[in-house]
Amino acid sequence: MKKILRLTEHELINILKKTVNEAKYSSVANILRGGIRKNIKTIAILTAENPKGVEAGNEYNKEANQKLKTFLKTARLGYRPIKGSYGTSENSFIINNISLDDAIIIGEKFKQDTIVFGEVVGGDGNEISMSFKMVGTDPDKPKEFRKVIADNEVFISRNEAEDFFSEVGGRKFVIPFYGTIDKFKGEGDKFFVTNKDYSDTKWQGGKAEPTSVSTELDDELNELQERAIRTCCSTSYNLRGRIEKIIKENYQ
């Protein structure tokens, strides 16, 4: 007799949520890889929240993003809501098949510091991918500042990211315009910083690998450790408190 697997309502809901979230992330990932979703040639990632990169209140942000959604619907632009953090937490949108000029106009309209624009490149025997640009759109800055700030041709999955990431379905991803930095505790209880540079990485299917990786000691944290060992009483206690705070925020 076959054994029947019975799931509780809570377990079933969690399985369904996980399946739905994975589908959401896979759909976005296929767009960002370029060429897989053949009907999507360009995208923009932008928000109406936190104008000029300054954190605004929840009420303002909610109203501003509602105005942006209404604008996108009126313009008949397809969009998908995503979450993220770019110095401050934000609710953003991936907008499909929008021109760079229109994306810049929207960024200016909603007083955004920058927007991200992606365009499918390649074909005719070349590897197809999506090329990304970060473009300045602050309407109060001179025209020469409203230009391409950085560019890259890959995105990476990076669930450990604490800031400067986008998130969909509970999965974080990064377009590494400025590379990535990870901190970890290594041999001899020393702390290290690993810098990964993706500036020349090309999309070749599968996982996008960094073009260079460099590792160095985190001098600041190791110096705090040495000072804590050499001192005592309240001084040592305070130093160890600072160390624990840094470890909690950056190393766990």
Protein backbone atom coordinates (compact mmCIF):
# COMPACT_ATOMS: atom_id res chain seq x y z
CA MET A 1 0.00 0.00 0.00
CA LYS A 2 1.34 3.44 -0.97
CA LYS A 3 2.01 5.83 1.84
CA ILE A 4 -0.02 9.04 1.41
CA LEU A 5 1.87 12.25 2.09
CA ARG A 6 -0.36 14.68 3.92
CA LEU A 7 0.50 18.35 4.16
CA THR A 8 -0.86 20.81 6.64
CA GLU A 9 -2.54 23.94 5.28
CA HIS A 10 0.45 26.00 6.46
CA GLU A 11 2.95 23.71 4.66
CA LEU A 12 0.89 23.80 1.46
CA ILE A 13 0.69 27.60 1.54
CA ASN A 14 4.47 27.84 2.01
CA ILE A 15 5.10 25.49 -0.93
CA LEU A 16 2.76 27.50 -3.16
CA LYS A 17 4.38 30.79 -2.09
CA LYS A 18 7.84 29.43 -2.84
CA THR A 19 6.73 28.20 -6.27
CA VAL A 20 5.11 31.54 -7.14
CA ASN A 21 8.11 33.54 -5.92
CA GLU A 22 10.54 31.38 -7.88
CA ALA A 23 8.41 31.88 -11.01
CA LYS A 24 8.46 35.66 -10.46
CA TYR A 25 12.25 35.72 -10.13
CA SER A 26 12.80 33.42 -13.12
CA SER A 27 10.59 35.63 -15.27
CA VAL A 28 12.57 38.77 -14.36
CA ALA A 29 15.91 36.95 -14.73
CA ASN A 30 14.98 35.86 -18.25
CA ILE A 31 14.20 39.47 -19.16
CA LEU A 32 17.53 40.72 -17.77
CA ARG A 33 19.52 38.06 -19.64
CA GLY A 34 18.27 39.49 -22.92
CA GLY A 35 17.05 37.53 -25.94
CA ILE A 36 15.15 34.91 -23.92
CA ARG A 37 11.96 36.96 -23.73
CA LYS A 38 12.05 37.84 -27.43
CA ASN A 39 9.15 40.29 -27.19
CA ILE A 40 11.06 42.49 -24.69
CA LYS A 41 13.86 44.55 -26.25
CA THR A 42 14.38 47.26 -23.62
CA ILE A 43 13.64 47.81 -19.94
CA ALA A 44 13.94 50.60 -17.42
CA ILE A 45 14.18 50.23 -13.65
CA LEU A 46 12.89 53.29 -11.83
CA THR A 47 10.72 54.57 -9.01
CA ALA A 48 8.92 57.73 -7.94
CA GLU A 49 9.94 57.28 -4.30
CA ASN A 50 12.64 59.18 -2.41
CA PRO A 51 13.19 62.04 -4.92
CA LYS A 52 16.83 63.04 -5.49
CA GLY A 53 17.92 60.04 -3.42
CA VAL A 54 16.65 61.58 -0.18
CA GLU A 55 14.47 59.34 1.99
CA ALA A 56 10.87 60.53 2.01
CA GLY A 57 7.98 59.48 4.24
CA ASN A 58 5.80 56.43 3.59
CA GLU A 59 2.78 58.57 2.74
CA TYR A 60 4.68 60.60 0.13
CA ASN A 61 6.29 57.51 -1.40
CA LYS A 62 3.02 55.61 -1.65
CA GLU A 63 1.26 58.55 -3.33
CA ALA A 64 4.19 59.21 -5.69
CA ASN A 65 4.38 55.59 -6.85
CA GLN A 66 0.61 55.51 -7.35
CA LYS A 67 0.96 58.54 -9.65
CA LEU A 68 3.75 56.74 -11.51
CA LYS A 69 1.58 53.62 -11.97
CA THR A 70 -1.26 55.76 -13.32
CA PHE A 71 1.20 57.45 -15.70
CA LEU A 72 2.51 54.09 -16.94
CA LYS A 73 -1.00 52.74 -17.49
CA THR A 74 -2.00 55.85 -19.41
CA ALA A 75 1.12 55.50 -21.56
CA ARG A 76 0.26 51.79 -22.07
CA LEU A 77 3.63 50.68 -20.77
CA GLY A 78 3.83 47.23 -19.22
CA TYR A 79 5.50 47.12 -15.83
CA ARG A 80 6.30 44.80 -12.94
CA PRO A 81 6.68 45.98 -9.33
CA ILE A 82 9.92 45.04 -7.56
CA LYS A 83 11.58 45.95 -4.28
CA GLY A 84 15.06 47.17 -3.60
CA SER A 85 17.47 49.29 -1.63
CA TYR A 86 19.60 52.10 -3.04
CA GLY A 87 20.80 53.91 0.02
CA THR A 88 17.17 53.82 1.19
CA SER A 89 14.51 51.11 0.79
CA GLU A 90 12.41 51.59 -2.34
CA ASN A 91 9.53 50.08 -4.25
CA SER A 92 10.43 50.24 -7.93
CA PHE A 93 9.19 49.07 -11.32
CA ILE A 94 10.68 47.22 -14.26
CA ILE A 95 9.12 48.82 -17.34
CA ASN A 96 9.13 46.86 -20.59
CA ASN A 97 9.85 48.17 -24.10
CA ILE A 98 10.44 51.79 -23.20
CA SER A 99 12.89 54.07 -25.01
CA LEU A 100 15.85 55.61 -23.21
CA ASP A 101 14.51 59.11 -23.91
CA ASP A 102 11.12 58.26 -22.38
CA ALA A 103 12.76 56.62 -19.35
CA ILE A 104 14.83 59.78 -18.79
CA ILE A 105 11.71 61.96 -19.10
CA ILE A 106 9.93 59.87 -16.45
CA GLY A 107 12.97 60.02 -14.16
CA GLU A 108 13.05 63.80 -14.53
CA LYS A 109 9.27 64.09 -14.03
CA PHE A 110 9.46 62.26 -10.71
CA LYS A 111 12.68 64.03 -9.63
CA GLN A 112 14.83 60.91 -9.54
CA ASP A 113 18.60 61.06 -9.14
CA THR A 114 19.16 58.15 -11.56
CA ILE A 115 17.38 55.47 -13.57
CA VAL A 116 18.63 52.16 -14.98
CA PHE A 117 18.08 51.39 -18.67
CA GLY A 118 18.67 48.02 -20.35
CA GLU A 119 18.74 47.19 -24.06
CA VAL A 120 19.16 43.84 -25.84
CA VAL A 121 22.41 43.72 -27.82
CA GLY A 122 24.08 41.11 -30.01
CA GLY A 123 22.63 38.74 -32.58
CA ASP A 124 23.82 37.73 -36.06
CA GLY A 125 26.01 35.01 -34.59
CA ASN A 126 27.09 37.05 -31.58
CA GLU A 127 26.09 36.28 -28.01
CA ILE A 128 22.81 38.03 -27.17
CA SER A 129 22.66 39.84 -23.85
CA MET A 130 21.23 42.96 -22.26
CA SER A 131 23.43 46.02 -21.87
CA PHE A 132 22.64 48.19 -18.83
CA LYS A 133 23.24 51.90 -18.23
CA MET A 134 22.82 54.00 -15.10
CA VAL A 135 21.68 57.44 -16.25
CA GLY A 136 21.46 60.63 -14.23
CA THR A 137 18.01 62.24 -14.35
CA ASP A 138 17.97 64.87 -11.58
CA PRO A 139 16.14 67.80 -13.27
CA ASP A 140 17.88 70.34 -11.03
CA LYS A 141 21.39 69.35 -12.06
CA PRO A 142 23.09 70.88 -15.13
CA LYS A 143 22.63 68.98 -18.40
CA GLU A 144 26.20 67.68 -18.35
CA PHE A 145 25.42 65.76 -15.15
CA ARG A 146 22.35 64.13 -16.69
CA LYS A 147 24.28 61.52 -18.66
CA VAL A 148 25.38 57.87 -18.53
CA ILE A 149 27.10 57.42 -15.17
CA ALA A 150 28.04 53.73 -15.50
CA ASP A 151 27.37 50.76 -17.74
CA ASN A 152 27.58 46.97 -17.58
CA GLU A 153 26.43 43.91 -19.53
CA VAL A 154 25.53 41.47 -16.75
CA PHE A 155 23.39 41.09 -13.68
CA ILE A 156 24.18 38.75 -10.79
CA SER A 157 22.16 36.97 -8.14
CA ARG A 158 23.34 38.25 -4.76
CA ASN A 159 21.11 37.33 -1.84
CA GLU A 160 23.70 38.49 0.72
CA ALA A 161 23.57 42.09 -0.55
CA GLU A 162 22.68 44.61 2.18
CA ASP A 163 22.24 47.64 -0.09
CA PHE A 164 22.17 48.64 -3.77
CA PHE A 165 20.13 45.64 -4.86
CA SER A 166 16.77 44.87 -6.43
CA GLU A 167 14.51 42.09 -5.18
CA VAL A 168 11.70 40.05 -6.68
CA GLY A 169 10.10 36.92 -5.24
CA GLY A 170 12.37 37.17 -2.19
CA ARG A 171 15.50 36.86 -4.40
CA LYS A 172 18.01 39.70 -4.66
CA PHE A 173 19.91 40.64 -7.79
CA VAL A 174 22.48 43.31 -8.62
CA ILE A 175 23.64 45.03 -11.77
CA PRO A 176 27.25 45.45 -10.62
CA PHE A 177 28.04 48.89 -12.02
CA TYR A 178 30.72 49.39 -9.37
CA GLY A 179 31.58 45.80 -8.53
CA THR A 180 30.68 44.13 -5.23
CA ILE A 181 32.27 43.97 -1.80
CA ASP A 182 31.95 41.04 0.62
CA LYS A 183 33.40 40.74 4.12
CA PHE A 184 34.26 37.50 5.89
CA LYS A 185 36.20 36.12 8.84
CA GLY A 186 39.10 33.91 7.83
CA GLU A 187 42.09 32.00 9.19
CA GLY A 188 43.46 33.26 12.50
CA ASP A 189 40.22 35.11 13.22
CA LYS A 190 41.30 37.84 10.80
CA PHE A 191 38.70 39.77 8.85
CA PHE A 192 38.95 40.16 5.10
CA VAL A 193 37.30 42.18 2.34
CA THR A 194 36.81 40.64 -1.11
CA ASN A 195 36.27 42.97 -4.06
CA LYS A 196 34.79 41.51 -7.25
CA ASP A 197 35.02 43.51 -10.47
CA TYR A 198 32.44 42.81 -13.19
CA SER A 199 33.27 45.78 -15.44
CA ASP A 200 34.44 43.62 -18.37
CA THR A 201 32.26 40.57 -17.75
CA LYS A 202 30.19 39.41 -20.74
CA TRP A 203 27.04 37.31 -20.55
CA GLN A 204 27.77 33.77 -21.76
CA GLY A 205 24.86 31.90 -20.23
CA GLY A 206 24.83 30.35 -16.78
CA LYS A 207 26.56 32.24 -13.98
CA ALA A 208 28.23 35.58 -14.65
CA GLU A 209 31.78 35.38 -13.29
CA PRO A 210 33.78 38.44 -12.19
CA THR A 211 36.71 39.49 -14.37
CA SER A 212 38.90 40.00 -11.30
CA VAL A 213 38.80 39.24 -7.57
CA SER A 214 41.04 40.82 -4.94
CA THR A 215 41.13 40.07 -1.21
CA GLU A 216 42.68 42.23 1.49
CA LEU A 217 42.65 42.54 5.25
CA ASP A 218 39.97 44.72 6.79
CA ASP A 219 42.45 46.92 8.65
CA GLU A 220 39.84 48.89 10.58
CA LEU A 221 38.17 45.88 12.18
CA ASN A 222 41.42 44.03 12.86
CA GLU A 223 42.84 47.16 14.52
CA LEU A 224 39.76 47.31 16.77
CA GLN A 225 40.35 43.68 17.73
CA GLU A 226 44.00 44.37 18.61
CA ARG A 227 43.04 47.40 20.72
CA ALA A 228 40.37 45.37 22.55
CA ILE A 229 42.96 42.70 23.41
CA ARG A 230 45.48 45.27 24.68
CA THR A 231 43.01 47.15 26.90
CA CYS A 232 40.73 46.21 29.77
CA CYS A 233 37.62 47.18 31.70
CA SER A 234 35.15 49.60 30.13
CA THR A 235 37.48 50.52 27.22
CA SER A 236 37.81 46.90 26.14
CA TYR A 237 34.07 46.37 26.68
CA ASN A 238 33.19 49.33 24.45
CA LEU A 239 35.60 48.24 21.74
CA ARG A 240 34.19 44.71 21.76
CA GLY A 241 30.71 46.21 21.50
CA ARG A 242 31.77 48.10 18.36
CA ILE A 243 33.30 44.91 16.93
CA GLU A 244 30.13 42.91 17.56
CA LYS A 245 28.04 45.61 15.90
CA ILE A 246 30.25 45.61 12.79
CA ILE A 247 30.22 41.80 12.63
CA LYS A 248 26.43 41.69 12.96
CA GLU A 249 25.95 44.28 10.22
CA ASN A 250 28.58 43.07 7.74
CA TYR A 251 29.81 39.56 8.42
CA GLN A 252 26.80 37.40 9.25
